[in-house]
Amino acid sequence: MSKSPTWNTVVLVCKACGKRGSGPKKTRPKAIADELRRAAGRTRPRPRVLLTGCLGLCPKAATAVALVGERRATLLLAVERTAQLAELIPLIERPPVELE
């Protein structure tokens, strides 16, 4: 018997962005993932935050972040500073939209 996951949203943080020469200088992918985990810790169900390979967005001086979930539109973001993560948290906490 399989168990259903305890999360309904996945946040993918591109770790390849931190390795590029044109990648972010002050914001590292691991720091972004850690901050998202900490900030979303009070959200129920908690989102699953994962470091992943290249997402194909490849923004200059930024890290690509994707927000994916069941019954949720996929959202791709270019995060330049950790201060921008405050704008992402309400999107994670918002309940999924019912799609027909």
N, C-alpha and C. Protein backbone atom coordinates (compact mmCIF):
# COMPACT_ATOMS: atom_id res chain seq x y z
N MET A 1 0.85 -1.17 0.00
CA MET A 1 0.00 0.00 0.00
C MET A 1 0.90 1.24 0.00
N SER A 2 0.61 2.18 -0.88
CA SER A 2 1.41 3.39 -0.96
C SER A 2 0.79 4.49 -0.10
N LYS A 3 1.67 5.29 0.44
CA LYS A 3 1.26 6.42 1.26
C LYS A 3 1.21 7.67 0.41
N SER A 4 0.25 8.52 0.64
CA SER A 4 0.22 9.79 -0.10
C SER A 4 1.23 10.75 0.53
N PRO A 5 1.82 11.64 -0.28
CA PRO A 5 2.83 12.56 0.24
C PRO A 5 2.22 13.56 1.22
N THR A 6 3.08 14.09 2.08
CA THR A 6 2.63 15.08 3.05
C THR A 6 2.72 16.50 2.49
N TRP A 7 3.09 16.63 1.22
CA TRP A 7 3.20 17.94 0.58
C TRP A 7 2.35 17.94 -0.68
N ASN A 8 1.92 19.13 -1.11
CA ASN A 8 1.15 19.24 -2.35
C ASN A 8 1.77 20.24 -3.32
N THR A 9 2.89 20.83 -2.93
CA THR A 9 3.60 21.79 -3.76
C THR A 9 5.08 21.46 -3.74
N VAL A 10 5.72 21.57 -4.90
CA VAL A 10 7.16 21.35 -5.01
C VAL A 10 7.80 22.65 -5.50
N VAL A 11 8.87 23.06 -4.82
CA VAL A 11 9.63 24.23 -5.24
C VAL A 11 11.00 23.73 -5.67
N LEU A 12 11.32 23.93 -6.95
CA LEU A 12 12.60 23.49 -7.51
C LEU A 12 13.54 24.69 -7.61
N VAL A 13 14.74 24.54 -7.05
CA VAL A 13 15.75 25.60 -7.09
C VAL A 13 16.92 25.08 -7.90
N CYS A 14 17.27 25.77 -8.97
CA CYS A 14 18.32 25.33 -9.89
C CYS A 14 19.70 25.51 -9.25
N LYS A 15 20.39 24.40 -9.01
CA LYS A 15 21.73 24.53 -8.43
C LYS A 15 22.78 24.81 -9.50
N ALA A 16 22.43 24.59 -10.79
CA ALA A 16 23.36 24.89 -11.88
C ALA A 16 23.57 26.40 -12.03
N CYS A 17 22.58 27.20 -11.64
CA CYS A 17 22.70 28.66 -11.73
C CYS A 17 23.87 29.17 -10.90
N GLY A 18 24.14 28.55 -9.77
CA GLY A 18 25.23 28.98 -8.90
C GLY A 18 26.60 28.66 -9.46
N LYS A 19 26.65 27.74 -10.42
CA LYS A 19 27.93 27.32 -11.00
C LYS A 19 28.30 28.10 -12.26
N ARG A 20 27.32 28.80 -12.85
CA ARG A 20 27.58 29.56 -14.06
C ARG A 20 28.40 30.81 -13.76
N GLY A 21 29.20 31.23 -14.69
CA GLY A 21 29.97 32.46 -14.55
C GLY A 21 29.07 33.68 -14.48
N SER A 22 27.94 33.63 -15.19
CA SER A 22 27.00 34.76 -15.18
C SER A 22 25.92 34.57 -14.12
N GLY A 23 26.12 33.61 -13.24
CA GLY A 23 25.14 33.34 -12.19
C GLY A 23 25.13 34.40 -11.11
N PRO A 24 24.32 34.22 -10.09
CA PRO A 24 24.22 35.22 -9.02
C PRO A 24 25.52 35.31 -8.23
N LYS A 25 25.88 36.52 -7.84
CA LYS A 25 27.13 36.72 -7.11
C LYS A 25 26.95 36.59 -5.60
N LYS A 26 25.84 37.07 -5.06
CA LYS A 26 25.66 37.07 -3.61
C LYS A 26 24.65 36.04 -3.13
N THR A 27 23.78 35.58 -4.00
CA THR A 27 22.74 34.65 -3.61
C THR A 27 23.04 33.28 -4.20
N ARG A 28 23.25 32.31 -3.36
CA ARG A 28 23.55 30.95 -3.80
C ARG A 28 22.29 30.10 -3.75
N PRO A 29 22.17 29.12 -4.65
CA PRO A 29 20.98 28.26 -4.67
C PRO A 29 20.69 27.56 -3.33
N LYS A 30 21.71 27.07 -2.64
CA LYS A 30 21.48 26.40 -1.37
C LYS A 30 20.92 27.38 -0.34
N ALA A 31 21.40 28.60 -0.34
CA ALA A 31 20.88 29.62 0.58
C ALA A 31 19.42 29.93 0.27
N ILE A 32 19.06 29.96 -1.01
CA ILE A 32 17.67 30.20 -1.40
C ILE A 32 16.79 29.06 -0.92
N ALA A 33 17.23 27.82 -1.15
CA ALA A 33 16.45 26.65 -0.72
C ALA A 33 16.28 26.63 0.80
N ASP A 34 17.34 26.92 1.52
CA ASP A 34 17.27 26.94 2.99
C ASP A 34 16.31 28.01 3.49
N GLU A 35 16.35 29.18 2.87
CA GLU A 35 15.46 30.28 3.27
C GLU A 35 14.00 29.92 2.97
N LEU A 36 13.75 29.30 1.82
CA LEU A 36 12.38 28.89 1.48
C LEU A 36 11.87 27.83 2.45
N ARG A 37 12.72 26.88 2.82
CA ARG A 37 12.32 25.85 3.79
C ARG A 37 11.97 26.49 5.13
N ARG A 38 12.81 27.43 5.55
CA ARG A 38 12.59 28.08 6.85
C ARG A 38 11.31 28.91 6.81
N ALA A 39 11.13 29.69 5.77
CA ALA A 39 9.97 30.58 5.68
C ALA A 39 8.67 29.80 5.49
N ALA A 40 8.72 28.69 4.80
CA ALA A 40 7.51 27.90 4.55
C ALA A 40 7.25 26.86 5.64
N GLY A 41 8.05 26.87 6.68
CA GLY A 41 7.91 25.90 7.75
C GLY A 41 6.58 25.96 8.47
N ARG A 42 5.95 27.11 8.49
CA ARG A 42 4.67 27.26 9.18
C ARG A 42 3.49 26.92 8.27
N THR A 43 3.74 26.73 6.97
CA THR A 43 2.69 26.42 6.01
C THR A 43 2.31 24.95 6.13
N ARG A 44 1.00 24.67 6.10
CA ARG A 44 0.54 23.28 6.12
C ARG A 44 -0.36 23.04 4.94
N PRO A 45 -0.15 22.03 4.14
CA PRO A 45 1.00 21.13 4.19
C PRO A 45 2.25 21.86 3.70
N ARG A 46 3.38 21.49 4.27
CA ARG A 46 4.64 22.12 3.92
C ARG A 46 5.04 21.79 2.50
N PRO A 47 5.57 22.75 1.76
CA PRO A 47 6.03 22.46 0.41
C PRO A 47 7.33 21.66 0.44
N ARG A 48 7.58 20.93 -0.59
CA ARG A 48 8.83 20.18 -0.73
C ARG A 48 9.77 21.07 -1.52
N VAL A 49 10.91 21.46 -0.94
CA VAL A 49 11.89 22.33 -1.60
C VAL A 49 13.09 21.47 -1.99
N LEU A 50 13.42 21.46 -3.28
CA LEU A 50 14.49 20.60 -3.80
C LEU A 50 15.47 21.41 -4.63
N LEU A 51 16.76 21.08 -4.47
CA LEU A 51 17.77 21.59 -5.38
C LEU A 51 17.78 20.65 -6.58
N THR A 52 17.82 21.21 -7.78
CA THR A 52 17.73 20.39 -8.98
C THR A 52 18.76 20.85 -10.01
N GLY A 53 18.86 20.10 -11.08
CA GLY A 53 19.73 20.49 -12.19
C GLY A 53 19.11 21.64 -12.95
N CYS A 54 19.67 21.93 -14.12
CA CYS A 54 19.25 23.08 -14.91
C CYS A 54 17.77 23.01 -15.26
N LEU A 55 17.08 24.12 -15.02
CA LEU A 55 15.67 24.24 -15.37
C LEU A 55 15.46 24.85 -16.76
N GLY A 56 16.54 25.32 -17.37
CA GLY A 56 16.46 25.86 -18.72
C GLY A 56 16.12 27.34 -18.80
N LEU A 57 15.87 27.97 -17.67
CA LEU A 57 15.55 29.39 -17.67
C LEU A 57 16.83 30.22 -17.80
N CYS A 58 17.87 29.86 -17.08
CA CYS A 58 19.21 30.46 -17.14
C CYS A 58 19.22 31.99 -17.12
N PRO A 59 18.67 32.63 -16.08
CA PRO A 59 18.68 34.09 -16.01
C PRO A 59 20.07 34.61 -15.65
N LYS A 60 20.43 35.77 -16.18
CA LYS A 60 21.73 36.36 -15.85
C LYS A 60 21.68 36.93 -14.45
N ALA A 61 22.71 36.67 -13.67
CA ALA A 61 22.86 37.19 -12.30
C ALA A 61 21.67 36.84 -11.41
N ALA A 62 21.04 35.67 -11.65
CA ALA A 62 19.90 35.25 -10.84
C ALA A 62 19.85 33.72 -10.81
N THR A 63 19.02 33.19 -9.93
CA THR A 63 18.81 31.75 -9.81
C THR A 63 17.38 31.44 -10.24
N ALA A 64 17.24 30.39 -11.06
CA ALA A 64 15.92 29.97 -11.53
C ALA A 64 15.21 29.18 -10.43
N VAL A 65 13.95 29.49 -10.19
CA VAL A 65 13.13 28.80 -9.20
C VAL A 65 11.79 28.46 -9.88
N ALA A 66 11.33 27.22 -9.71
CA ALA A 66 10.05 26.80 -10.28
C ALA A 66 9.13 26.36 -9.15
N LEU A 67 7.89 26.77 -9.23
CA LEU A 67 6.85 26.40 -8.27
C LEU A 67 5.86 25.51 -9.02
N VAL A 68 5.74 24.25 -8.58
CA VAL A 68 4.91 23.26 -9.27
C VAL A 68 4.02 22.60 -8.24
N GLY A 69 2.78 22.32 -8.61
CA GLY A 69 1.90 21.65 -7.68
C GLY A 69 0.70 21.04 -8.37
N GLU A 70 0.05 20.14 -7.67
CA GLU A 70 -1.16 19.54 -8.18
C GLU A 70 -2.24 20.62 -8.27
N ARG A 71 -2.94 20.67 -9.39
CA ARG A 71 -3.98 21.67 -9.63
C ARG A 71 -3.45 23.09 -9.43
N ARG A 72 -2.23 23.34 -9.89
CA ARG A 72 -1.59 24.65 -9.73
C ARG A 72 -0.83 24.94 -11.02
N ALA A 73 -0.92 26.15 -11.50
CA ALA A 73 -0.14 26.54 -12.67
C ALA A 73 1.34 26.57 -12.30
N THR A 74 2.19 26.12 -13.20
CA THR A 74 3.63 26.15 -12.96
C THR A 74 4.11 27.59 -13.08
N LEU A 75 4.96 27.99 -12.15
CA LEU A 75 5.48 29.35 -12.12
C LEU A 75 7.00 29.29 -12.14
N LEU A 76 7.63 29.98 -13.09
CA LEU A 76 9.08 30.07 -13.17
C LEU A 76 9.51 31.47 -12.78
N LEU A 77 10.49 31.55 -11.89
CA LEU A 77 10.96 32.85 -11.40
C LEU A 77 12.47 32.96 -11.51
N ALA A 78 12.97 34.16 -11.65
CA ALA A 78 14.39 34.45 -11.60
C ALA A 78 14.65 35.23 -10.32
N VAL A 79 15.31 34.60 -9.36
CA VAL A 79 15.55 35.23 -8.05
C VAL A 79 16.95 35.83 -8.04
N GLU A 80 17.00 37.15 -7.89
CA GLU A 80 18.28 37.87 -7.86
C GLU A 80 18.77 38.09 -6.43
N ARG A 81 17.83 38.29 -5.50
CA ARG A 81 18.19 38.58 -4.10
C ARG A 81 17.27 37.77 -3.19
N THR A 82 17.76 37.43 -2.01
CA THR A 82 16.93 36.68 -1.07
C THR A 82 15.72 37.50 -0.62
N ALA A 83 15.78 38.83 -0.75
CA ALA A 83 14.64 39.67 -0.38
C ALA A 83 13.43 39.36 -1.26
N GLN A 84 13.65 38.89 -2.48
CA GLN A 84 12.56 38.55 -3.38
C GLN A 84 11.79 37.32 -2.92
N LEU A 85 12.39 36.52 -2.05
CA LEU A 85 11.73 35.30 -1.58
C LEU A 85 10.49 35.62 -0.76
N ALA A 86 10.44 36.81 -0.16
CA ALA A 86 9.25 37.21 0.60
C ALA A 86 8.03 37.30 -0.32
N GLU A 87 8.24 37.58 -1.60
CA GLU A 87 7.15 37.63 -2.56
C GLU A 87 6.70 36.23 -2.98
N LEU A 88 7.61 35.26 -2.87
CA LEU A 88 7.30 33.89 -3.28
C LEU A 88 6.52 33.12 -2.22
N ILE A 89 6.74 33.41 -0.96
CA ILE A 89 6.08 32.68 0.13
C ILE A 89 4.55 32.75 0.04
N PRO A 90 3.93 33.91 -0.20
CA PRO A 90 2.47 33.92 -0.32
C PRO A 90 1.96 33.05 -1.48
N LEU A 91 2.74 32.93 -2.55
CA LEU A 91 2.34 32.08 -3.66
C LEU A 91 2.36 30.61 -3.26
N ILE A 92 3.30 30.23 -2.41
CA ILE A 92 3.39 28.85 -1.93
C ILE A 92 2.24 28.57 -0.97
N GLU A 93 1.92 29.54 -0.13
CA GLU A 93 0.88 29.34 0.87
C GLU A 93 -0.53 29.38 0.30
N ARG A 94 -0.70 29.98 -0.87
CA ARG A 94 -2.02 30.09 -1.49
C ARG A 94 -2.53 28.70 -1.86
N PRO A 95 -3.79 28.41 -1.56
CA PRO A 95 -4.34 27.10 -1.91
C PRO A 95 -4.39 26.92 -3.43
N PRO A 96 -4.28 25.68 -3.90
CA PRO A 96 -4.30 25.44 -5.35
C PRO A 96 -5.63 25.85 -5.97
N VAL A 97 -5.58 26.22 -7.23
CA VAL A 97 -6.76 26.62 -7.99
C VAL A 97 -7.41 25.35 -8.54
N GLU A 98 -8.69 25.29 -8.47
CA GLU A 98 -9.42 24.15 -9.04
C GLU A 98 -9.44 24.27 -10.55
N LEU A 99 -8.83 23.33 -11.25
CA LEU A 99 -8.84 23.31 -12.71
C LEU A 99 -9.89 22.32 -13.18
N GLU A 100 -10.55 22.67 -14.25
CA GLU A 100 -11.59 21.78 -14.78
C GLU A 100 -11.09 21.01 -15.96
